[in-house]
Amino acid sequence: MTDTLCQLSDGIKNMLGIDEVDLDRPLSQIGVDSLNVVEMIIICQQVYTNILDYDAINIDENTTVREIDSQMNSLMPLPA
């Protein structure tokens, strides 16, 4: 598991007050509702600090934690 994926998973576990997160289950199945999505974006901003355009994030009830990590990493600028 990548460092960012681990941090994202930990943030979601903390937000939901749970011990484990299945990285490949849709958010709706792990207990994330529409109100939590705003909190998740804040978690993403804390974990993925190099992203310039957080508006490009596409999260819905069918998105998995692993897909969010992949999206975030693809939005990060390439190292110079």
PDB file of N, CA and C in Angstrom:
ATOM      1  N   MET A   1       0.857  -1.173   0.000  1.00  0.00           N
ATOM      2  CA  MET A   1       0.000   0.000   0.000  1.00  0.00           C
ATOM      3  C   MET A   1       0.903   1.236   0.000  1.00  0.00           C
ATOM      4  N   THR A   2       0.566   2.198  -0.860  1.00  0.00           N
ATOM      5  CA  THR A   2       1.363   3.420  -0.922  1.00  0.00           C
ATOM      6  C   THR A   2       1.139   4.262   0.326  1.00  0.00           C
ATOM      7  N   ASP A   3       2.054   5.180   0.570  1.00  0.00           N
ATOM      8  CA  ASP A   3       1.966   6.047   1.737  1.00  0.00           C
ATOM      9  C   ASP A   3       0.694   6.898   1.691  1.00  0.00           C
ATOM     10  N   THR A   4       0.383   7.444   0.503  1.00  0.00           N
ATOM     11  CA  THR A   4      -0.814   8.285   0.403  1.00  0.00           C
ATOM     12  C   THR A   4      -2.081   7.466   0.595  1.00  0.00           C
ATOM     13  N   LEU A   5      -2.111   6.256   0.066  1.00  0.00           N
ATOM     14  CA  LEU A   5      -3.283   5.402   0.219  1.00  0.00           C
ATOM     15  C   LEU A   5      -3.485   5.038   1.688  1.00  0.00           C
ATOM     16  N   CYS A   6      -2.397   4.786   2.384  1.00  0.00           N
ATOM     17  CA  CYS A   6      -2.474   4.473   3.810  1.00  0.00           C
ATOM     18  C   CYS A   6      -2.984   5.683   4.595  1.00  0.00           C
ATOM     19  N   GLN A   7      -2.477   6.869   4.291  1.00  0.00           N
ATOM     20  CA  GLN A   7      -2.926   8.086   4.971  1.00  0.00           C
ATOM     21  C   GLN A   7      -4.395   8.371   4.684  1.00  0.00           C
ATOM     22  N   LEU A   8      -4.808   8.196   3.426  1.00  0.00           N
ATOM     23  CA  LEU A   8      -6.209   8.407   3.067  1.00  0.00           C
ATOM     24  C   LEU A   8      -7.101   7.424   3.806  1.00  0.00           C
ATOM     25  N   SER A   9      -6.700   6.166   3.820  1.00  0.00           N
ATOM     26  CA  SER A   9      -7.461   5.137   4.522  1.00  0.00           C
ATOM     27  C   SER A   9      -7.574   5.464   6.011  1.00  0.00           C
ATOM     28  N   ASP A  10      -6.468   5.877   6.616  1.00  0.00           N
ATOM     29  CA  ASP A  10      -6.488   6.245   8.036  1.00  0.00           C
ATOM     30  C   ASP A  10      -7.421   7.422   8.287  1.00  0.00           C
ATOM     31  N   GLY A  11      -7.412   8.417   7.393  1.00  0.00           N
ATOM     32  CA  GLY A  11      -8.295   9.571   7.540  1.00  0.00           C
ATOM     33  C   GLY A  11      -9.760   9.183   7.462  1.00  0.00           C
ATOM     34  N   ILE A  12     -10.083   8.261   6.555  1.00  0.00           N
ATOM     35  CA  ILE A  12     -11.463   7.803   6.406  1.00  0.00           C
ATOM     36  C   ILE A  12     -11.886   6.979   7.618  1.00  0.00           C
ATOM     37  N   LYS A  13     -10.999   6.116   8.098  1.00  0.00           N
ATOM     38  CA  LYS A  13     -11.309   5.326   9.300  1.00  0.00           C
ATOM     39  C   LYS A  13     -11.582   6.248  10.486  1.00  0.00           C
ATOM     40  N   ASN A  14     -10.763   7.278  10.632  1.00  0.00           N
ATOM     41  CA  ASN A  14     -10.945   8.244  11.714  1.00  0.00           C
ATOM     42  C   ASN A  14     -12.273   8.997  11.555  1.00  0.00           C
ATOM     43  N   MET A  15     -12.570   9.429  10.336  1.00  0.00           N
ATOM     44  CA  MET A  15     -13.802  10.167  10.056  1.00  0.00           C
ATOM     45  C   MET A  15     -15.040   9.333  10.392  1.00  0.00           C
ATOM     46  N   LEU A  16     -15.004   8.050  10.025  1.00  0.00           N
ATOM     47  CA  LEU A  16     -16.163   7.180  10.219  1.00  0.00           C
ATOM     48  C   LEU A  16     -16.162   6.473  11.569  1.00  0.00           C
ATOM     49  N   GLY A  17     -15.047   6.534  12.288  1.00  0.00           N
ATOM     50  CA  GLY A  17     -14.953   5.851  13.577  1.00  0.00           C
ATOM     51  C   GLY A  17     -14.962   4.342  13.445  1.00  0.00           C
ATOM     52  N   ILE A  18     -14.269   3.836  12.424  1.00  0.00           N
ATOM     53  CA  ILE A  18     -14.209   2.391  12.192  1.00  0.00           C
ATOM     54  C   ILE A  18     -12.758   1.925  12.222  1.00  0.00           C
ATOM     55  N   ASP A  19     -12.565   0.604  12.339  1.00  0.00           N
ATOM     56  CA  ASP A  19     -11.219   0.043  12.449  1.00  0.00           C
ATOM     57  C   ASP A  19     -10.603  -0.352  11.113  1.00  0.00           C
ATOM     58  N   GLU A  20     -11.423  -0.710  10.152  1.00  0.00           N
ATOM     59  CA  GLU A  20     -10.926  -1.183   8.856  1.00  0.00           C
ATOM     60  C   GLU A  20     -11.716  -0.556   7.717  1.00  0.00           C
ATOM     61  N   VAL A  21     -11.031  -0.330   6.588  1.00  0.00           N
ATOM     62  CA  VAL A  21     -11.674   0.166   5.377  1.00  0.00           C
ATOM     63  C   VAL A  21     -11.272  -0.754   4.237  1.00  0.00           C
ATOM     64  N   ASP A  22     -12.262  -1.305   3.544  1.00  0.00           N
ATOM     65  CA  ASP A  22     -11.993  -2.105   2.351  1.00  0.00           C
ATOM     66  C   ASP A  22     -11.743  -1.126   1.212  1.00  0.00           C
ATOM     67  N   LEU A  23     -10.513  -1.084   0.728  1.00  0.00           N
ATOM     68  CA  LEU A  23     -10.101  -0.102  -0.266  1.00  0.00           C
ATOM     69  C   LEU A  23     -10.800  -0.265  -1.606  1.00  0.00           C
ATOM     70  N   ASP A  24     -11.402  -1.424  -1.840  1.00  0.00           N
ATOM     71  CA  ASP A  24     -12.010  -1.717  -3.134  1.00  0.00           C
ATOM     72  C   ASP A  24     -13.539  -1.761  -3.100  1.00  0.00           C
ATOM     73  N   ARG A  25     -14.141  -1.381  -1.981  1.00  0.00           N
ATOM     74  CA  ARG A  25     -15.610  -1.318  -1.895  1.00  0.00           C
ATOM     75  C   ARG A  25     -16.054   0.116  -2.155  1.00  0.00           C
ATOM     76  N   PRO A  26     -17.194   0.296  -2.792  1.00  0.00           N
ATOM     77  CA  PRO A  26     -17.711   1.655  -3.008  1.00  0.00           C
ATOM     78  C   PRO A  26     -17.895   2.394  -1.681  1.00  0.00           C
ATOM     79  N   LEU A  27     -17.701   3.692  -1.711  1.00  0.00           N
ATOM     80  CA  LEU A  27     -17.807   4.502  -0.503  1.00  0.00           C
ATOM     81  C   LEU A  27     -19.127   4.301   0.222  1.00  0.00           C
ATOM     82  N   SER A  28     -20.210   4.175  -0.537  1.00  0.00           N
ATOM     83  CA  SER A  28     -21.525   4.002   0.093  1.00  0.00           C
ATOM     84  C   SER A  28     -21.592   2.726   0.920  1.00  0.00           C
ATOM     85  N   GLN A  29     -20.825   1.716   0.545  1.00  0.00           N
ATOM     86  CA  GLN A  29     -20.839   0.441   1.266  1.00  0.00           C
ATOM     87  C   GLN A  29     -19.951   0.440   2.511  1.00  0.00           C
ATOM     88  N   ILE A  30     -19.076   1.443   2.622  1.00  0.00           N
ATOM     89  CA  ILE A  30     -18.250   1.507   3.831  1.00  0.00           C
ATOM     90  C   ILE A  30     -18.769   2.562   4.807  1.00  0.00           C
ATOM     91  N   GLY A  31     -19.892   3.199   4.459  1.00  0.00           N
ATOM     92  CA  GLY A  31     -20.530   4.117   5.396  1.00  0.00           C
ATOM     93  C   GLY A  31     -20.386   5.593   5.082  1.00  0.00           C
ATOM     94  N   VAL A  32     -19.816   5.936   3.932  1.00  0.00           N
ATOM     95  CA  VAL A  32     -19.669   7.337   3.551  1.00  0.00           C
ATOM     96  C   VAL A  32     -20.974   7.825   2.930  1.00  0.00           C
ATOM     97  N   ASP A  33     -21.496   8.951   3.447  1.00  0.00           N
ATOM     98  CA  ASP A  33     -22.698   9.548   2.850  1.00  0.00           C
ATOM     99  C   ASP A  33     -22.329  10.883   2.212  1.00  0.00           C
ATOM    100  N   SER A  34     -23.304  11.558   1.657  1.00  0.00           N
ATOM    101  CA  SER A  34     -23.042  12.801   0.918  1.00  0.00           C
ATOM    102  C   SER A  34     -22.421  13.877   1.800  1.00  0.00           C
ATOM    103  N   LEU A  35     -22.742  13.898   3.080  1.00  0.00           N
ATOM    104  CA  LEU A  35     -22.155  14.875   3.987  1.00  0.00           C
ATOM    105  C   LEU A  35     -20.682  14.581   4.247  1.00  0.00           C
ATOM    106  N   ASN A  36     -20.315  13.309   4.239  1.00  0.00           N
ATOM    107  CA  ASN A  36     -18.920  12.929   4.473  1.00  0.00           C
ATOM    108  C   ASN A  36     -18.010  13.281   3.302  1.00  0.00           C
ATOM    109  N   VAL A  37     -18.592  13.447   2.111  1.00  0.00           N
ATOM    110  CA  VAL A  37     -17.762  13.729   0.937  1.00  0.00           C
ATOM    111  C   VAL A  37     -16.988  15.030   1.131  1.00  0.00           C
ATOM    112  N   VAL A  38     -17.602  16.037   1.728  1.00  0.00           N
ATOM    113  CA  VAL A  38     -16.910  17.303   1.987  1.00  0.00           C
ATOM    114  C   VAL A  38     -15.723  17.051   2.928  1.00  0.00           C
ATOM    115  N   GLU A  39     -15.941  16.259   3.956  1.00  0.00           N
ATOM    116  CA  GLU A  39     -14.858  15.899   4.879  1.00  0.00           C
ATOM    117  C   GLU A  39     -13.759  15.133   4.150  1.00  0.00           C
ATOM    118  N   MET A  40     -14.150  14.281   3.214  1.00  0.00           N
ATOM    119  CA  MET A  40     -13.166  13.504   2.461  1.00  0.00           C
ATOM    120  C   MET A  40     -12.295  14.404   1.608  1.00  0.00           C
ATOM    121  N   ILE A  41     -12.877  15.448   1.040  1.00  0.00           N
ATOM    122  CA  ILE A  41     -12.087  16.377   0.241  1.00  0.00           C
ATOM    123  C   ILE A  41     -11.069  17.091   1.131  1.00  0.00           C
ATOM    124  N   ILE A  42     -11.466  17.422   2.343  1.00  0.00           N
ATOM    125  CA  ILE A  42     -10.527  18.039   3.294  1.00  0.00           C
ATOM    126  C   ILE A  42      -9.402  17.064   3.628  1.00  0.00           C
ATOM    127  N   ILE A  43      -9.747  15.791   3.827  1.00  0.00           N
ATOM    128  CA  ILE A  43      -8.720  14.769   4.078  1.00  0.00           C
ATOM    129  C   ILE A  43      -7.775  14.691   2.885  1.00  0.00           C
ATOM    130  N   CYS A  44      -8.324  14.701   1.674  1.00  0.00           N
ATOM    131  CA  CYS A  44      -7.500  14.655   0.465  1.00  0.00           C
ATOM    132  C   CYS A  44      -6.559  15.853   0.401  1.00  0.00           C
ATOM    133  N   GLN A  45      -7.040  17.026   0.780  1.00  0.00           N
ATOM    134  CA  GLN A  45      -6.193  18.214   0.766  1.00  0.00           C
ATOM    135  C   GLN A  45      -5.051  18.095   1.762  1.00  0.00           C
ATOM    136  N   GLN A  46      -5.273  17.391   2.851  1.00  0.00           N
ATOM    137  CA  GLN A  46      -4.226  17.199   3.852  1.00  0.00           C
ATOM    138  C   GLN A  46      -3.217  16.137   3.426  1.00  0.00           C
ATOM    139  N   VAL A  47      -3.673  15.122   2.702  1.00  0.00           N
ATOM    140  CA  VAL A  47      -2.799  14.020   2.292  1.00  0.00           C
ATOM    141  C   VAL A  47      -2.053  14.356   1.005  1.00  0.00           C
ATOM    142  N   TYR A  48      -2.758  14.916   0.038  1.00  0.00           N
ATOM    143  CA  TYR A  48      -2.192  15.197  -1.287  1.00  0.00           C
ATOM    144  C   TYR A  48      -1.964  16.704  -1.392  1.00  0.00           C
ATOM    145  N   THR A  49      -0.885  17.168  -0.791  1.00  0.00           N
ATOM    146  CA  THR A  49      -0.657  18.611  -0.635  1.00  0.00           C
ATOM    147  C   THR A  49      -0.173  19.308  -1.904  1.00  0.00           C
ATOM    148  N   ASN A  50       0.273  18.580  -2.902  1.00  0.00           N
ATOM    149  CA  ASN A  50       0.810  19.204  -4.112  1.00  0.00           C
ATOM    150  C   ASN A  50      -0.218  19.442  -5.200  1.00  0.00           C
ATOM    151  N   ILE A  51      -1.454  19.070  -4.983  1.00  0.00           N
ATOM    152  CA  ILE A  51      -2.482  19.217  -6.012  1.00  0.00           C
ATOM    153  C   ILE A  51      -2.938  20.667  -6.075  1.00  0.00           C
ATOM    154  N   LEU A  52      -3.022  21.180  -7.300  1.00  0.00           N
ATOM    155  CA  LEU A  52      -3.412  22.574  -7.494  1.00  0.00           C
ATOM    156  C   LEU A  52      -4.902  22.741  -7.730  1.00  0.00           C
ATOM    157  N   ASP A  53      -5.555  21.740  -8.318  1.00  0.00           N
ATOM    158  CA  ASP A  53      -6.962  21.868  -8.698  1.00  0.00           C
ATOM    159  C   ASP A  53      -7.804  20.769  -8.050  1.00  0.00           C
ATOM    160  N   TYR A  54      -8.244  21.026  -6.820  1.00  0.00           N
ATOM    161  CA  TYR A  54      -9.078  20.044  -6.120  1.00  0.00           C
ATOM    162  C   TYR A  54     -10.477  19.956  -6.722  1.00  0.00           C
ATOM    163  N   ASP A  55     -10.860  20.921  -7.562  1.00  0.00           N
ATOM    164  CA  ASP A  55     -12.159  20.864  -8.229  1.00  0.00           C
ATOM    165  C   ASP A  55     -12.215  19.735  -9.249  1.00  0.00           C
ATOM    166  N   ALA A  56     -11.068  19.212  -9.636  1.00  0.00           N
ATOM    167  CA  ALA A  56     -11.023  18.125 -10.616  1.00  0.00           C
ATOM    168  C   ALA A  56     -11.327  16.766  -9.989  1.00  0.00           C
ATOM    169  N   ILE A  57     -11.475  16.726  -8.673  1.00  0.00           N
ATOM    170  CA  ILE A  57     -11.769  15.467  -7.985  1.00  0.00           C
ATOM    171  C   ILE A  57     -13.176  15.009  -8.340  1.00  0.00           C
ATOM    172  N   ASN A  58     -13.312  13.732  -8.672  1.00  0.00           N
ATOM    173  CA  ASN A  58     -14.607  13.164  -9.023  1.00  0.00           C
ATOM    174  C   ASN A  58     -14.919  12.034  -8.042  1.00  0.00           C
ATOM    175  N   ILE A  59     -15.709  12.354  -7.014  1.00  0.00           N
ATOM    176  CA  ILE A  59     -16.062  11.369  -5.995  1.00  0.00           C
ATOM    177  C   ILE A  59     -17.571  11.230  -5.949  1.00  0.00           C
ATOM    178  N   ASP A  60     -18.062   9.983  -6.005  1.00  0.00           N
ATOM    179  CA  ASP A  60     -19.487   9.720  -5.794  1.00  0.00           C
ATOM    180  C   ASP A  60     -19.621   8.448  -4.957  1.00  0.00           C
ATOM    181  N   GLU A  61     -20.831   8.010  -4.755  1.00  0.00           N
ATOM    182  CA  GLU A  61     -21.068   6.871  -3.860  1.00  0.00           C
ATOM    183  C   GLU A  61     -20.489   5.555  -4.373  1.00  0.00           C
ATOM    184  N   ASN A  62     -20.151   5.493  -5.663  1.00  0.00           N
ATOM    185  CA  ASN A  62     -19.597   4.265  -6.229  1.00  0.00           C
ATOM    186  C   ASN A  62     -18.076   4.271  -6.315  1.00  0.00           C
ATOM    187  N   THR A  63     -17.459   5.388  -5.973  1.00  0.00           N
ATOM    188  CA  THR A  63     -16.003   5.506  -6.013  1.00  0.00           C
ATOM    189  C   THR A  63     -15.403   4.713  -4.859  1.00  0.00           C
ATOM    190  N   THR A  64     -14.272   4.059  -5.097  1.00  0.00           N
ATOM    191  CA  THR A  64     -13.572   3.334  -4.037  1.00  0.00           C
ATOM    192  C   THR A  64     -12.424   4.196  -3.503  1.00  0.00           C
ATOM    193  N   VAL A  65     -11.934   3.844  -2.344  1.00  0.00           N
ATOM    194  CA  VAL A  65     -10.803   4.567  -1.750  1.00  0.00           C
ATOM    195  C   VAL A  65      -9.581   4.446  -2.663  1.00  0.00           C
ATOM    196  N   ARG A  66      -9.363   3.283  -3.220  1.00  0.00           N
ATOM    197  CA  ARG A  66      -8.230   3.076  -4.133  1.00  0.00           C
ATOM    198  C   ARG A  66      -8.364   3.970  -5.376  1.00  0.00           C
ATOM    199  N   GLU A  67      -9.580   4.143  -5.886  1.00  0.00           N
ATOM    200  CA  GLU A  67      -9.801   5.014  -7.044  1.00  0.00           C
ATOM    201  C   GLU A  67      -9.531   6.482  -6.686  1.00  0.00           C
ATOM    202  N   ILE A  68      -9.898   6.886  -5.474  1.00  0.00           N
ATOM    203  CA  ILE A  68      -9.618   8.257  -5.046  1.00  0.00           C
ATOM    204  C   ILE A  68      -8.113   8.482  -5.010  1.00  0.00           C
ATOM    205  N   ASP A  69      -7.368   7.537  -4.439  1.00  0.00           N
ATOM    206  CA  ASP A  69      -5.918   7.657  -4.386  1.00  0.00           C
ATOM    207  C   ASP A  69      -5.331   7.758  -5.793  1.00  0.00           C
ATOM    208  N   SER A  70      -5.831   6.955  -6.701  1.00  0.00           N
ATOM    209  CA  SER A  70      -5.351   6.985  -8.079  1.00  0.00           C
ATOM    210  C   SER A  70      -5.642   8.342  -8.724  1.00  0.00           C
ATOM    211  N   GLN A  71      -6.855   8.859  -8.515  1.00  0.00           N
ATOM    212  CA  GLN A  71      -7.211  10.190  -9.029  1.00  0.00           C
ATOM    213  C   GLN A  71      -6.281  11.255  -8.485  1.00  0.00           C
ATOM    214  N   MET A  72      -6.079  11.229  -7.181  1.00  0.00           N
ATOM    215  CA  MET A  72      -5.243  12.239  -6.535  1.00  0.00           C
ATOM    216  C   MET A  72      -3.814  12.203  -7.083  1.00  0.00           C
ATOM    217  N   ASN A  73      -3.276  10.992  -7.193  1.00  0.00           N
ATOM    218  CA  ASN A  73      -1.901  10.863  -7.715  1.00  0.00           C
ATOM    219  C   ASN A  73      -1.800  11.322  -9.163  1.00  0.00           C
ATOM    220  N   SER A  74      -2.848  11.123  -9.952  1.00  0.00           N
ATOM    221  CA  SER A  74      -2.808  11.575 -11.343  1.00  0.00           C
ATOM    222  C   SER A  74      -2.932  13.096 -11.450  1.00  0.00           C
ATOM    223  N   LEU A  75      -3.468  13.756 -10.418  1.00  0.00           N
ATOM    224  CA  LEU A  75      -3.587  15.215 -10.422  1.00  0.00           C
ATOM    225  C   LEU A  75      -2.339  15.911  -9.884  1.00  0.00           C
ATOM    226  N   MET A  76      -1.437  15.144  -9.295  1.00  0.00           N
ATOM    227  CA  MET A  76      -0.224  15.752  -8.748  1.00  0.00           C
ATOM    228  C   MET A  76       0.724  16.115  -9.901  1.00  0.00           C
ATOM    229  N   PRO A  77       1.385  17.281  -9.806  1.00  0.00           N
ATOM    230  CA  PRO A  77       2.321  17.665 -10.865  1.00  0.00           C
ATOM    231  C   PRO A  77       3.510  16.705 -10.933  1.00  0.00           C
ATOM    232  N   LEU A  78       4.016  16.522 -12.122  1.00  0.00           N
ATOM    233  CA  LEU A  78       5.181  15.655 -12.292  1.00  0.00           C
ATOM    234  C   LEU A  78       6.407  16.344 -11.707  1.00  0.00           C
ATOM    235  N   PRO A  79       7.291  15.559 -11.082  1.00  0.00           N
ATOM    236  CA  PRO A  79       8.493  16.171 -10.513  1.00  0.00           C
ATOM    237  C   PRO A  79       9.369  16.787 -11.620  1.00  0.00           C
ATOM    238  N   ALA A  80       9.998  17.884 -11.290  1.00  0.00           N
ATOM    239  CA  ALA A  80      10.837  18.587 -12.284  1.00  0.00           C
ATOM    240  C   ALA A  80      12.170  17.910 -12.468  1.00  0.00           C
TER     241      ALA A  80
END
